[in-house]
Amino acid sequence: MSTQNSNVYHERQRLQFCLIHTLNSLFQQKDAFTRADLNAISEKLALDDTSNSDSWTPFSMLFKPHHNALTGNYDINVLIAALEEKGKSVVWHDRRNGCSSIDLDAPEDVLMGVVVNVAVKRFAGIWKGRHWIALRKIDGVWYNLDSDLHGPKCFRDQDEVREFLDSSIVGGGEVLLVMNQKHQA
């Protein structure tokens, strides 16, 4: 990855709100999604999930089924529901296939971008969790919009994007393709 582009929207990491930052960077718009938006989606998902009705504990006020009420840390269900609200769909990349099978040349009206969920260790390995990262092609150039980076980083070429995705999978990550629904089969 190399230079930064000041015309590319990028949000920096705050607490465990990487899904908010990922979505806003993916949509290239501040407040495309807010904490209130994702909390509302999380609450709706929890209400729709009748299997959790008997599992309430005092910790349920903080540790919700789909997020942590204080720090964020939203799950895949929130990502999918949020994208569906904006007319997008998610295709889970089959990790048994290399990322060379992903059509990174697909037009933007087909492939909006890529979201990667990777394992992270922080505080000298004491805390383990997951982190959301957005990749998006803007003006013909693919960018890593990871909120842990100081700014957007452009990839040299599609081979470097695929290397990044393949290394993410090897490290236990998941690759999700964000599609415009009208082009889904």
C-alpha atoms as a PDB file:
ATOM      1  CA  MET A   1       0.000   0.000   0.000  1.00  0.00           C
ATOM      2  CA  SER A   2       1.249   3.456  -0.671  1.00  0.00           C
ATOM      3  CA  THR A   3       0.063   7.042  -0.711  1.00  0.00           C
ATOM      4  CA  GLN A   4      -2.970   8.641   0.847  1.00  0.00           C
ATOM      5  CA  ASN A   5      -5.717  10.491  -1.043  1.00  0.00           C
ATOM      6  CA  SER A   6      -7.307  13.431   0.770  1.00  0.00           C
ATOM      7  CA  ASN A   7     -10.468  13.097  -1.350  1.00  0.00           C
ATOM      8  CA  VAL A   8     -11.186   9.655   0.096  1.00  0.00           C
ATOM      9  CA  TYR A   9     -13.398   9.643   3.199  1.00  0.00           C
ATOM     10  CA  HIS A  10     -11.868   7.742   6.136  1.00  0.00           C
ATOM     11  CA  GLU A  11     -12.820   7.472   9.817  1.00  0.00           C
ATOM     12  CA  ARG A  12     -10.389   6.734  12.647  1.00  0.00           C
ATOM     13  CA  GLN A  13     -11.017   4.057  15.271  1.00  0.00           C
ATOM     14  CA  ARG A  14     -12.870   4.996  18.472  1.00  0.00           C
ATOM     15  CA  LEU A  15     -13.566   2.370  21.152  1.00  0.00           C
ATOM     16  CA  GLN A  16     -15.039  -0.700  19.408  1.00  0.00           C
ATOM     17  CA  PHE A  17     -17.064   1.219  16.841  1.00  0.00           C
ATOM     18  CA  CYS A  18     -15.109  -0.175  13.896  1.00  0.00           C
ATOM     19  CA  LEU A  19     -18.340  -1.318  12.197  1.00  0.00           C
ATOM     20  CA  ILE A  20     -19.662   2.260  12.175  1.00  0.00           C
ATOM     21  CA  HIS A  21     -16.328   3.494  10.801  1.00  0.00           C
ATOM     22  CA  THR A  22     -16.262   0.669   8.243  1.00  0.00           C
ATOM     23  CA  LEU A  23     -19.771   1.422   6.976  1.00  0.00           C
ATOM     24  CA  ASN A  24     -19.218   5.179   6.796  1.00  0.00           C
ATOM     25  CA  SER A  25     -15.917   4.674   4.960  1.00  0.00           C
ATOM     26  CA  LEU A  26     -17.543   2.128   2.638  1.00  0.00           C
ATOM     27  CA  PHE A  27     -20.336   4.584   1.793  1.00  0.00           C
ATOM     28  CA  GLN A  28     -17.808   7.460   1.695  1.00  0.00           C
ATOM     29  CA  GLN A  29     -20.111   9.550   3.880  1.00  0.00           C
ATOM     30  CA  LYS A  30     -19.897  10.836   7.433  1.00  0.00           C
ATOM     31  CA  ASP A  31     -22.918   9.585   9.371  1.00  0.00           C
ATOM     32  CA  ALA A  32     -24.137   7.232   6.660  1.00  0.00           C
ATOM     33  CA  PHE A  33     -24.635   5.219   9.846  1.00  0.00           C
ATOM     34  CA  THR A  34     -24.540   6.484  13.417  1.00  0.00           C
ATOM     35  CA  ARG A  35     -24.242   4.719  16.742  1.00  0.00           C
ATOM     36  CA  ALA A  36     -27.985   5.283  17.235  1.00  0.00           C
ATOM     37  CA  ASP A  37     -28.699   3.656  13.844  1.00  0.00           C
ATOM     38  CA  LEU A  38     -26.680   0.532  14.617  1.00  0.00           C
ATOM     39  CA  ASN A  39     -28.037   0.326  18.177  1.00  0.00           C
ATOM     40  CA  ALA A  40     -31.586   0.452  16.773  1.00  0.00           C
ATOM     41  CA  ILE A  41     -30.759  -2.298  14.285  1.00  0.00           C
ATOM     42  CA  SER A  42     -29.230  -4.365  17.122  1.00  0.00           C
ATOM     43  CA  GLU A  43     -32.327  -3.918  19.288  1.00  0.00           C
ATOM     44  CA  LYS A  44     -34.631  -4.887  16.423  1.00  0.00           C
ATOM     45  CA  LEU A  45     -32.557  -8.005  15.768  1.00  0.00           C
ATOM     46  CA  ALA A  46     -32.716  -8.895  19.477  1.00  0.00           C
ATOM     47  CA  LEU A  47     -36.514  -8.476  19.491  1.00  0.00           C
ATOM     48  CA  ASP A  48     -36.828 -10.595  16.345  1.00  0.00           C
ATOM     49  CA  ASP A  49     -34.712 -13.356  17.922  1.00  0.00           C
ATOM     50  CA  THR A  50     -37.226 -15.208  20.082  1.00  0.00           C
ATOM     51  CA  SER A  51     -34.651 -17.869  21.029  1.00  0.00           C
ATOM     52  CA  ASN A  52     -33.016 -15.387  23.474  1.00  0.00           C
ATOM     53  CA  SER A  53     -36.204 -14.582  25.395  1.00  0.00           C
ATOM     54  CA  ASP A  54     -35.283 -16.730  28.424  1.00  0.00           C
ATOM     55  CA  SER A  55     -31.609 -15.776  28.629  1.00  0.00           C
ATOM     56  CA  TRP A  56     -31.855 -12.344  30.300  1.00  0.00           C
ATOM     57  CA  THR A  57     -29.353 -11.614  33.081  1.00  0.00           C
ATOM     58  CA  PRO A  58     -28.265  -8.337  34.725  1.00  0.00           C
ATOM     59  CA  PHE A  59     -25.343  -8.332  32.248  1.00  0.00           C
ATOM     60  CA  SER A  60     -27.883  -8.180  29.408  1.00  0.00           C
ATOM     61  CA  MET A  61     -28.127  -4.423  29.928  1.00  0.00           C
ATOM     62  CA  LEU A  62     -24.508  -4.082  28.810  1.00  0.00           C
ATOM     63  CA  PHE A  63     -23.801  -7.139  26.674  1.00  0.00           C
ATOM     64  CA  LYS A  64     -26.614  -7.187  24.153  1.00  0.00           C
ATOM     65  CA  PRO A  65     -27.032 -10.147  21.790  1.00  0.00           C
ATOM     66  CA  HIS A  66     -25.623  -8.209  18.796  1.00  0.00           C
ATOM     67  CA  HIS A  67     -23.387  -5.542  20.388  1.00  0.00           C
ATOM     68  CA  ASN A  68     -21.856  -4.130  23.564  1.00  0.00           C
ATOM     69  CA  ALA A  69     -23.992  -1.197  24.748  1.00  0.00           C
ATOM     70  CA  LEU A  70     -20.993   0.865  25.919  1.00  0.00           C
ATOM     71  CA  THR A  71     -18.271   0.226  23.393  1.00  0.00           C
ATOM     72  CA  GLY A  72     -20.050  -0.945  20.245  1.00  0.00           C
ATOM     73  CA  ASN A  73     -18.498  -4.179  18.969  1.00  0.00           C
ATOM     74  CA  TYR A  74     -21.360  -4.979  16.567  1.00  0.00           C
ATOM     75  CA  ASP A  75     -21.723  -8.435  15.011  1.00  0.00           C
ATOM     76  CA  ILE A  76     -22.235  -9.690  11.454  1.00  0.00           C
ATOM     77  CA  ASN A  77     -26.030  -9.622  11.799  1.00  0.00           C
ATOM     78  CA  VAL A  78     -25.918  -5.851  12.344  1.00  0.00           C
ATOM     79  CA  LEU A  79     -23.644  -5.411   9.316  1.00  0.00           C
ATOM     80  CA  ILE A  80     -25.979  -7.393   7.059  1.00  0.00           C
ATOM     81  CA  ALA A  81     -29.141  -5.644   8.303  1.00  0.00           C
ATOM     82  CA  ALA A  82     -27.541  -2.194   7.973  1.00  0.00           C
ATOM     83  CA  LEU A  83     -26.436  -2.877   4.401  1.00  0.00           C
ATOM     84  CA  GLU A  84     -29.828  -4.315   3.473  1.00  0.00           C
ATOM     85  CA  GLU A  85     -31.460  -1.085   4.714  1.00  0.00           C
ATOM     86  CA  LYS A  86     -29.376   0.731   2.070  1.00  0.00           C
ATOM     87  CA  GLY A  87     -30.279  -1.709  -0.723  1.00  0.00           C
ATOM     88  CA  LYS A  88     -27.061  -3.732  -0.529  1.00  0.00           C
ATOM     89  CA  SER A  89     -26.461  -7.414   0.077  1.00  0.00           C
ATOM     90  CA  VAL A  90     -23.549  -9.394   1.491  1.00  0.00           C
ATOM     91  CA  VAL A  91     -21.949 -12.398  -0.174  1.00  0.00           C
ATOM     92  CA  TRP A  92     -19.687 -14.395   2.112  1.00  0.00           C
ATOM     93  CA  HIS A  93     -16.525 -15.329   0.183  1.00  0.00           C
ATOM     94  CA  ASP A  94     -15.872 -19.064   0.359  1.00  0.00           C
ATOM     95  CA  ARG A  95     -12.547 -19.196   2.202  1.00  0.00           C
ATOM     96  CA  ARG A  96     -11.709 -22.515   0.479  1.00  0.00           C
ATOM     97  CA  ASN A  97     -11.239 -20.488  -2.714  1.00  0.00           C
ATOM     98  CA  GLY A  98      -8.422 -18.028  -3.121  1.00  0.00           C
ATOM     99  CA  CYS A  99      -9.302 -14.390  -3.500  1.00  0.00           C
ATOM    100  CA  SER A 100      -8.266 -14.598  -7.152  1.00  0.00           C
ATOM    101  CA  SER A 101     -11.864 -15.779  -7.687  1.00  0.00           C
ATOM    102  CA  ILE A 102     -13.208 -12.343  -6.616  1.00  0.00           C
ATOM    103  CA  ASP A 103     -13.970 -10.085  -9.578  1.00  0.00           C
ATOM    104  CA  LEU A 104     -12.357  -6.855  -8.388  1.00  0.00           C
ATOM    105  CA  ASP A 105     -12.996  -5.388 -11.851  1.00  0.00           C
ATOM    106  CA  ALA A 106     -16.770  -5.676 -11.410  1.00  0.00           C
ATOM    107  CA  PRO A 107     -18.478  -2.335 -12.006  1.00  0.00           C
ATOM    108  CA  GLU A 108     -19.434  -0.323  -8.909  1.00  0.00           C
ATOM    109  CA  ASP A 109     -23.118  -0.892  -9.638  1.00  0.00           C
ATOM    110  CA  VAL A 110     -22.397  -4.608  -9.045  1.00  0.00           C
ATOM    111  CA  LEU A 111     -19.615  -4.697  -6.415  1.00  0.00           C
ATOM    112  CA  MET A 112     -19.741  -1.797  -3.972  1.00  0.00           C
ATOM    113  CA  GLY A 113     -16.741  -2.929  -1.930  1.00  0.00           C
ATOM    114  CA  VAL A 114     -15.319  -5.542   0.400  1.00  0.00           C
ATOM    115  CA  VAL A 115     -15.609  -5.845   4.171  1.00  0.00           C
ATOM    116  CA  VAL A 116     -13.062  -7.932   6.048  1.00  0.00           C
ATOM    117  CA  ASN A 117     -13.459  -9.177   9.612  1.00  0.00           C
ATOM    118  CA  VAL A 118     -10.106 -10.028  11.183  1.00  0.00           C
ATOM    119  CA  ALA A 119      -8.922 -11.358  14.521  1.00  0.00           C
ATOM    120  CA  VAL A 120      -7.005  -8.798  16.599  1.00  0.00           C
ATOM    121  CA  LYS A 121      -4.981  -8.872  19.782  1.00  0.00           C
ATOM    122  CA  ARG A 122      -4.511  -5.722  21.814  1.00  0.00           C
ATOM    123  CA  PHE A 123      -2.853  -4.807  25.091  1.00  0.00           C
ATOM    124  CA  ALA A 124       0.061  -7.245  24.659  1.00  0.00           C
ATOM    125  CA  GLY A 125      -2.321 -10.051  23.677  1.00  0.00           C
ATOM    126  CA  ILE A 126      -4.452  -9.794  26.816  1.00  0.00           C
ATOM    127  CA  TRP A 127      -7.542  -8.743  24.854  1.00  0.00           C
ATOM    128  CA  LYS A 128      -8.613 -10.697  21.776  1.00  0.00           C
ATOM    129  CA  GLY A 129     -11.430  -9.661  19.522  1.00  0.00           C
ATOM    130  CA  ARG A 130     -12.510  -8.994  15.950  1.00  0.00           C
ATOM    131  CA  HIS A 131     -12.111  -5.893  13.793  1.00  0.00           C
ATOM    132  CA  TRP A 132     -14.040  -4.706  10.710  1.00  0.00           C
ATOM    133  CA  ILE A 133     -12.158  -3.260   7.709  1.00  0.00           C
ATOM    134  CA  ALA A 134     -13.592  -1.700   4.531  1.00  0.00           C
ATOM    135  CA  LEU A 135     -11.947  -1.906   1.114  1.00  0.00           C
ATOM    136  CA  ARG A 136     -13.375   0.216  -1.671  1.00  0.00           C
ATOM    137  CA  LYS A 137     -12.498   1.045  -5.243  1.00  0.00           C
ATOM    138  CA  ILE A 138     -12.652   4.816  -5.758  1.00  0.00           C
ATOM    139  CA  ASP A 139     -11.873   6.410  -9.119  1.00  0.00           C
ATOM    140  CA  GLY A 140     -10.397   3.118 -10.302  1.00  0.00           C
ATOM    141  CA  VAL A 141      -8.079   2.667  -7.295  1.00  0.00           C
ATOM    142  CA  TRP A 142      -8.621   0.188  -4.445  1.00  0.00           C
ATOM    143  CA  TYR A 143      -8.201   1.614  -0.920  1.00  0.00           C
ATOM    144  CA  ASN A 144      -7.793   0.051   2.504  1.00  0.00           C
ATOM    145  CA  LEU A 145     -10.061   2.159   4.747  1.00  0.00           C
ATOM    146  CA  ASP A 146      -9.138   0.403   8.005  1.00  0.00           C
ATOM    147  CA  SER A 147     -10.069   2.699  10.905  1.00  0.00           C
ATOM    148  CA  ASP A 148      -6.876   1.652  12.719  1.00  0.00           C
ATOM    149  CA  LEU A 149      -4.837   3.372   9.986  1.00  0.00           C
ATOM    150  CA  HIS A 150      -4.061   7.101  10.139  1.00  0.00           C
ATOM    151  CA  GLY A 151      -5.666   7.565   6.735  1.00  0.00           C
ATOM    152  CA  PRO A 152      -6.802   5.701   3.624  1.00  0.00           C
ATOM    153  CA  LYS A 153      -4.081   3.618   1.986  1.00  0.00           C
ATOM    154  CA  CYS A 154      -4.198   2.839  -1.706  1.00  0.00           C
ATOM    155  CA  PHE A 155      -3.199  -0.545  -3.037  1.00  0.00           C
ATOM    156  CA  ARG A 156      -0.647  -0.688  -5.896  1.00  0.00           C
ATOM    157  CA  ASP A 157      -2.885  -2.960  -7.932  1.00  0.00           C
ATOM    158  CA  GLN A 158      -5.485  -5.721  -7.695  1.00  0.00           C
ATOM    159  CA  ASP A 159      -2.807  -8.317  -6.972  1.00  0.00           C
ATOM    160  CA  GLU A 160      -1.945  -6.439  -3.780  1.00  0.00           C
ATOM    161  CA  VAL A 161      -5.654  -6.328  -2.840  1.00  0.00           C
ATOM    162  CA  ARG A 162      -5.888 -10.102  -3.340  1.00  0.00           C
ATOM    163  CA  GLU A 163      -2.688 -10.662  -1.320  1.00  0.00           C
ATOM    164  CA  PHE A 164      -4.195  -8.616   1.524  1.00  0.00           C
ATOM    165  CA  LEU A 165      -7.458 -10.597   1.370  1.00  0.00           C
ATOM    166  CA  ASP A 166      -5.684 -13.962   1.167  1.00  0.00           C
ATOM    167  CA  SER A 167      -3.448 -13.087   4.135  1.00  0.00           C
ATOM    168  CA  SER A 168      -6.534 -12.000   6.082  1.00  0.00           C
ATOM    169  CA  ILE A 169      -8.138 -15.393   5.435  1.00  0.00           C
ATOM    170  CA  VAL A 170      -4.960 -17.239   6.464  1.00  0.00           C
ATOM    171  CA  GLY A 171      -5.021 -15.226   9.714  1.00  0.00           C
ATOM    172  CA  GLY A 172      -8.589 -16.338  10.466  1.00  0.00           C
ATOM    173  CA  GLY A 173     -10.371 -13.441   8.785  1.00  0.00           C
ATOM    174  CA  GLU A 174     -13.595 -13.492   6.838  1.00  0.00           C
ATOM    175  CA  VAL A 175     -14.092 -11.740   3.492  1.00  0.00           C
ATOM    176  CA  LEU A 176     -17.520 -10.322   2.683  1.00  0.00           C
ATOM    177  CA  LEU A 177     -18.442  -8.854  -0.691  1.00  0.00           C
ATOM    178  CA  VAL A 178     -20.849  -5.925  -0.534  1.00  0.00           C
ATOM    179  CA  MET A 179     -23.080  -6.088  -3.588  1.00  0.00           C
ATOM    180  CA  ASN A 180     -25.704  -3.816  -5.027  1.00  0.00           C
ATOM    181  CA  GLN A 181     -28.844  -5.980  -4.717  1.00  0.00           C
ATOM    182  CA  LYS A 182     -30.211  -5.392  -8.175  1.00  0.00           C
ATOM    183  CA  HIS A 183     -27.313  -7.472  -9.499  1.00  0.00           C
ATOM    184  CA  GLN A 184     -27.735 -10.437  -7.170  1.00  0.00           C
ATOM    185  CA  ALA A 185     -28.765 -13.751  -8.654  1.00  0.00           C
END
